[in-house]
Structure formats: structure tokens, C-alpha cells
Amino acid sequence: MADAWTVGEARRESLALVESVTDYAIFLLDVEGRVRSWNVGAKLIKQYDREDILGHHISQFYTVEDRAAGRPAQLLSTAASEGRVEDEGWRVRKGGKRFWVEHFSGLGLGLYITKGIVEAHGGTISTTSEPGLGTTFEVRLPRARSQP
């Protein structure tokens, strides 16, 4: 049986996994829209070093036209009310160069990777679905043993 996995260890390993992704810009924002985390993919795609972008507002990734139209604020409002947001359009890299971003359906690798991590630590992952209500994923990990 795998060693018990503490919540802290799980969080550190999850953050390390997200940090190492290079094909996608993955970053967290606070409720005001300021960048709080920045992965390798975000650096490669948007070309900002972590220390240059942390604490700055997400609006700087949008074109002048989108900022004037209030697009970043609209998207933050949607994310706050719905828990997520997807958007396509022009974005701006460090230095002002524009690039197109679009949403596409995933390949199902996220769940596959998650399942591997959970099972490697002696846990299980299960799903339940109800038409019209969505799908719930339940992850169960063994409780950490007390340290003597």
C-alpha cells in the first residue's frame, strides 16, 4: 500500500505539476483580477517573467479595444458568478505583440493524469452523473498517519 499522503504534500505536488506544464498558460487570479501565480507555460506564451507579472491586473493581456469595451471586467464578473469563464479573441504578449487564443475541448488527459496521481497515493476517484445536473468527481485519499 502507498504511503499516506497529507493534504500539504498533495497541494505541493499538484502545484509542482501545474508549474511544469509548458503547453498551456496556467495562472491564478485574485478576486480583483491580479495575477497570483504563473506557470512555465504562461511565461512561454505570454513572455512575462514571474517577477514582472505577479500582482499586475489581467487587463494588460487584452487589447486596447477590449479594455475600452470593458471586456476584462465582464469576464471577471462571469468567472465570479459562474466559477469559470472561457473566451476567445486577441491577447497581448509582453512587448505588445498580439496573438489569438481560442477555447477547444480537451483530450481527456486531465482526468487520466489525476487518476494516476490519486492511485499512486493509494486513493480512488469516482464519478456520478445526472442528466441536466452535471457530473461530480470524488477523490478519496488515505488519511495521513500521525507523526510520533
C-alpha atoms as a PDB file:
ATOM      1  CA  MET A   1       0.000   0.000   0.000  1.00  0.00           C
ATOM      2  CA  ALA A   2       1.248   3.505  -0.813  1.00  0.00           C
ATOM      3  CA  ASP A   3       2.362   5.776   1.997  1.00  0.00           C
ATOM      4  CA  ALA A   4      -0.289   8.113   3.344  1.00  0.00           C
ATOM      5  CA  TRP A   5      -0.433  11.419   1.533  1.00  0.00           C
ATOM      6  CA  THR A   6      -1.023  14.551   3.570  1.00  0.00           C
ATOM      7  CA  VAL A   7      -3.073  17.448   2.258  1.00  0.00           C
ATOM      8  CA  GLY A   8       0.049  19.627   2.302  1.00  0.00           C
ATOM      9  CA  GLU A   9       2.013  17.101   0.254  1.00  0.00           C
ATOM     10  CA  ALA A  10      -0.862  16.742  -2.206  1.00  0.00           C
ATOM     11  CA  ARG A  11      -1.056  20.507  -2.610  1.00  0.00           C
ATOM     12  CA  ARG A  12       2.711  20.830  -3.158  1.00  0.00           C
ATOM     13  CA  GLU A  13       2.746  18.034  -5.730  1.00  0.00           C
ATOM     14  CA  SER A  14      -0.289  19.452  -7.536  1.00  0.00           C
ATOM     15  CA  LEU A  15       1.282  22.907  -7.681  1.00  0.00           C
ATOM     16  CA  ALA A  16       4.550  21.430  -8.954  1.00  0.00           C
ATOM     17  CA  LEU A  17       2.634  19.575 -11.675  1.00  0.00           C
ATOM     18  CA  VAL A  18       0.790  22.733 -12.768  1.00  0.00           C
ATOM     19  CA  GLU A  19       4.025  24.746 -12.629  1.00  0.00           C
ATOM     20  CA  SER A  20       5.750  22.352 -15.028  1.00  0.00           C
ATOM     21  CA  VAL A  21       3.103  22.444 -17.791  1.00  0.00           C
ATOM     22  CA  THR A  22       4.609  24.134 -20.850  1.00  0.00           C
ATOM     23  CA  ASP A  23       1.846  23.904 -23.471  1.00  0.00           C
ATOM     24  CA  TYR A  24      -0.722  25.966 -21.564  1.00  0.00           C
ATOM     25  CA  ALA A  25      -0.647  29.261 -19.706  1.00  0.00           C
ATOM     26  CA  ILE A  26      -1.998  28.388 -16.262  1.00  0.00           C
ATOM     27  CA  PHE A  27      -2.205  31.153 -13.700  1.00  0.00           C
ATOM     28  CA  LEU A  28      -4.395  32.126 -10.773  1.00  0.00           C
ATOM     29  CA  LEU A  29      -6.031  35.489 -10.197  1.00  0.00           C
ATOM     30  CA  ASP A  30      -7.307  37.070  -7.016  1.00  0.00           C
ATOM     31  CA  VAL A  31     -10.899  38.347  -6.877  1.00  0.00           C
ATOM     32  CA  GLU A  32      -9.773  41.731  -8.221  1.00  0.00           C
ATOM     33  CA  GLY A  33      -8.126  40.175 -11.291  1.00  0.00           C
ATOM     34  CA  ARG A  34      -4.499  40.450 -10.205  1.00  0.00           C
ATOM     35  CA  VAL A  35      -2.092  37.650 -11.130  1.00  0.00           C
ATOM     36  CA  ARG A  36      -1.173  35.494  -8.091  1.00  0.00           C
ATOM     37  CA  SER A  37       0.609  32.536  -9.730  1.00  0.00           C
ATOM     38  CA  TRP A  38       2.394  31.988 -13.048  1.00  0.00           C
ATOM     39  CA  ASN A  39       3.475  28.701 -14.625  1.00  0.00           C
ATOM     40  CA  VAL A  40       6.195  27.926 -17.182  1.00  0.00           C
ATOM     41  CA  GLY A  41       3.630  27.768 -19.996  1.00  0.00           C
ATOM     42  CA  ALA A  42       2.371  31.252 -19.139  1.00  0.00           C
ATOM     43  CA  LYS A  43       5.926  32.565 -19.359  1.00  0.00           C
ATOM     44  CA  LEU A  44       6.500  30.891 -22.732  1.00  0.00           C
ATOM     45  CA  ILE A  45       3.180  32.013 -24.214  1.00  0.00           C
ATOM     46  CA  LYS A  46       2.763  35.487 -22.742  1.00  0.00           C
ATOM     47  CA  GLN A  47       6.524  36.169 -22.374  1.00  0.00           C
ATOM     48  CA  TYR A  48       6.388  37.740 -18.916  1.00  0.00           C
ATOM     49  CA  ASP A  49       8.762  36.556 -16.215  1.00  0.00           C
ATOM     50  CA  ARG A  50       7.009  35.655 -12.954  1.00  0.00           C
ATOM     51  CA  GLU A  51       8.516  38.589 -11.065  1.00  0.00           C
ATOM     52  CA  ASP A  52       7.370  41.025 -13.790  1.00  0.00           C
ATOM     53  CA  ILE A  53       3.717  39.957 -13.751  1.00  0.00           C
ATOM     54  CA  LEU A  54       2.761  38.879 -10.217  1.00  0.00           C
ATOM     55  CA  GLY A  55       0.406  41.453  -8.716  1.00  0.00           C
ATOM     56  CA  HIS A  56      -0.466  43.028 -12.072  1.00  0.00           C
ATOM     57  CA  HIS A  57      -4.013  43.115 -13.428  1.00  0.00           C
ATOM     58  CA  ILE A  58      -5.158  40.653 -16.090  1.00  0.00           C
ATOM     59  CA  SER A  59      -6.386  43.541 -18.257  1.00  0.00           C
ATOM     60  CA  GLN A  60      -2.865  44.059 -19.569  1.00  0.00           C
ATOM     61  CA  PHE A  61      -3.248  40.806 -21.560  1.00  0.00           C
ATOM     62  CA  TYR A  62      -6.146  42.336 -23.516  1.00  0.00           C
ATOM     63  CA  THR A  63      -6.082  44.676 -26.498  1.00  0.00           C
ATOM     64  CA  VAL A  64      -6.725  48.399 -26.094  1.00  0.00           C
ATOM     65  CA  GLU A  65     -10.071  47.886 -27.833  1.00  0.00           C
ATOM     66  CA  ASP A  66     -11.136  45.112 -25.440  1.00  0.00           C
ATOM     67  CA  ARG A  67     -10.057  47.134 -22.406  1.00  0.00           C
ATOM     68  CA  ALA A  68     -12.019  50.171 -23.657  1.00  0.00           C
ATOM     69  CA  ALA A  69     -15.088  47.947 -24.110  1.00  0.00           C
ATOM     70  CA  GLY A  70     -14.725  46.621 -20.538  1.00  0.00           C
ATOM     71  CA  ARG A  71     -14.085  43.039 -21.652  1.00  0.00           C
ATOM     72  CA  PRO A  72     -11.696  42.059 -18.810  1.00  0.00           C
ATOM     73  CA  ALA A  73     -14.179  43.304 -16.178  1.00  0.00           C
ATOM     74  CA  GLN A  74     -17.040  41.419 -17.878  1.00  0.00           C
ATOM     75  CA  LEU A  75     -15.037  38.189 -17.889  1.00  0.00           C
ATOM     76  CA  LEU A  76     -14.021  38.590 -14.230  1.00  0.00           C
ATOM     77  CA  SER A  77     -17.673  39.132 -13.322  1.00  0.00           C
ATOM     78  CA  THR A  78     -18.690  35.977 -15.203  1.00  0.00           C
ATOM     79  CA  ALA A  79     -15.912  33.983 -13.529  1.00  0.00           C
ATOM     80  CA  ALA A  80     -17.009  35.224 -10.095  1.00  0.00           C
ATOM     81  CA  SER A  81     -20.662  34.340 -10.648  1.00  0.00           C
ATOM     82  CA  GLU A  82     -20.225  31.058 -12.550  1.00  0.00           C
ATOM     83  CA  GLY A  83     -16.919  29.801 -11.158  1.00  0.00           C
ATOM     84  CA  ARG A  84     -15.250  29.735 -14.586  1.00  0.00           C
ATOM     85  CA  VAL A  85     -15.088  31.569 -17.882  1.00  0.00           C
ATOM     86  CA  GLU A  86     -13.988  30.704 -21.416  1.00  0.00           C
ATOM     87  CA  ASP A  87     -13.183  33.331 -24.012  1.00  0.00           C
ATOM     88  CA  GLU A  88     -11.663  33.576 -27.475  1.00  0.00           C
ATOM     89  CA  GLY A  89     -10.008  36.566 -29.052  1.00  0.00           C
ATOM     90  CA  TRP A  90      -6.865  38.615 -29.385  1.00  0.00           C
ATOM     91  CA  ARG A  91      -4.476  38.882 -26.435  1.00  0.00           C
ATOM     92  CA  VAL A  92      -1.299  40.854 -25.976  1.00  0.00           C
ATOM     93  CA  ARG A  93       2.135  39.460 -25.113  1.00  0.00           C
ATOM     94  CA  LYS A  94       4.847  41.356 -23.289  1.00  0.00           C
ATOM     95  CA  GLY A  95       6.117  43.915 -25.774  1.00  0.00           C
ATOM     96  CA  GLY A  96       2.667  44.452 -27.295  1.00  0.00           C
ATOM     97  CA  LYS A  97       2.556  41.695 -29.919  1.00  0.00           C
ATOM     98  CA  ARG A  98      -0.951  40.322 -30.430  1.00  0.00           C
ATOM     99  CA  PHE A  99      -1.818  36.630 -30.581  1.00  0.00           C
ATOM    100  CA  TRP A 100      -5.088  34.745 -30.987  1.00  0.00           C
ATOM    101  CA  VAL A 101      -6.430  32.471 -28.248  1.00  0.00           C
ATOM    102  CA  GLU A 102      -9.309  30.081 -28.566  1.00  0.00           C
ATOM    103  CA  HIS A 103     -11.057  27.548 -26.414  1.00  0.00           C
ATOM    104  CA  PHE A 104     -11.052  23.952 -27.525  1.00  0.00           C
ATOM    105  CA  SER A 105     -12.287  20.771 -25.962  1.00  0.00           C
ATOM    106  CA  GLY A 106      -9.653  18.868 -24.069  1.00  0.00           C
ATOM    107  CA  LEU A 107      -8.248  15.479 -24.884  1.00  0.00           C
ATOM    108  CA  GLY A 108      -9.298  13.926 -21.602  1.00  0.00           C
ATOM    109  CA  LEU A 109      -5.734  13.856 -20.308  1.00  0.00           C
ATOM    110  CA  GLY A 110      -6.505  15.864 -17.171  1.00  0.00           C
ATOM    111  CA  LEU A 111      -8.669  13.149 -15.672  1.00  0.00           C
ATOM    112  CA  TYR A 112      -6.223  10.457 -16.784  1.00  0.00           C
ATOM    113  CA  ILE A 113      -3.317  12.269 -15.088  1.00  0.00           C
ATOM    114  CA  THR A 114      -5.394  12.940 -11.963  1.00  0.00           C
ATOM    115  CA  LYS A 115      -6.400   9.277 -11.749  1.00  0.00           C
ATOM    116  CA  GLY A 116      -2.742   8.224 -11.966  1.00  0.00           C
ATOM    117  CA  ILE A 117      -1.702  10.601  -9.181  1.00  0.00           C
ATOM    118  CA  VAL A 118      -4.600   9.572  -6.925  1.00  0.00           C
ATOM    119  CA  GLU A 119      -3.990   5.841  -7.426  1.00  0.00           C
ATOM    120  CA  ALA A 120      -0.233   6.242  -6.892  1.00  0.00           C
ATOM    121  CA  HIS A 121      -1.062   7.503  -3.409  1.00  0.00           C
ATOM    122  CA  GLY A 122      -3.476   4.700  -2.581  1.00  0.00           C
ATOM    123  CA  GLY A 123      -6.616   6.677  -3.320  1.00  0.00           C
ATOM    124  CA  THR A 124      -9.615   6.308  -5.579  1.00  0.00           C
ATOM    125  CA  ILE A 125     -11.505   8.557  -7.960  1.00  0.00           C
ATOM    126  CA  SER A 126     -15.131   8.010  -8.923  1.00  0.00           C
ATOM    127  CA  THR A 127     -17.821   9.841 -10.880  1.00  0.00           C
ATOM    128  CA  THR A 128     -21.567  10.227 -10.752  1.00  0.00           C
ATOM    129  CA  SER A 129     -23.654  11.944 -13.433  1.00  0.00           C
ATOM    130  CA  GLU A 130     -27.212  13.160 -13.533  1.00  0.00           C
ATOM    131  CA  PRO A 131     -28.758  14.432 -16.764  1.00  0.00           C
ATOM    132  CA  GLY A 132     -29.197  18.178 -16.602  1.00  0.00           C
ATOM    133  CA  LEU A 133     -27.241  18.437 -13.358  1.00  0.00           C
ATOM    134  CA  GLY A 134     -23.718  17.619 -14.484  1.00  0.00           C
ATOM    135  CA  THR A 135     -21.007  15.297 -13.264  1.00  0.00           C
ATOM    136  CA  THR A 136     -19.399  15.014  -9.836  1.00  0.00           C
ATOM    137  CA  PHE A 137     -15.871  13.660  -9.396  1.00  0.00           C
ATOM    138  CA  GLU A 138     -14.999  12.343  -5.942  1.00  0.00           C
ATOM    139  CA  VAL A 139     -11.365  11.887  -4.931  1.00  0.00           C
ATOM    140  CA  ARG A 140     -10.583   9.863  -1.797  1.00  0.00           C
ATOM    141  CA  LEU A 141      -7.087   9.728  -0.351  1.00  0.00           C
ATOM    142  CA  PRO A 142      -5.907   7.806   2.713  1.00  0.00           C
ATOM    143  CA  ARG A 143      -5.626   9.871   5.853  1.00  0.00           C
ATOM    144  CA  ALA A 144      -2.075  10.731   6.848  1.00  0.00           C
ATOM    145  CA  ARG A 145      -0.647   8.767   9.726  1.00  0.00           C
ATOM    146  CA  SER A 146       0.173  10.762  12.844  1.00  0.00           C
ATOM    147  CA  GLN A 147       3.788  11.649  13.256  1.00  0.00           C
ATOM    148  CA  PRO A 148       5.265  10.318  16.548  1.00  0.00           C
END
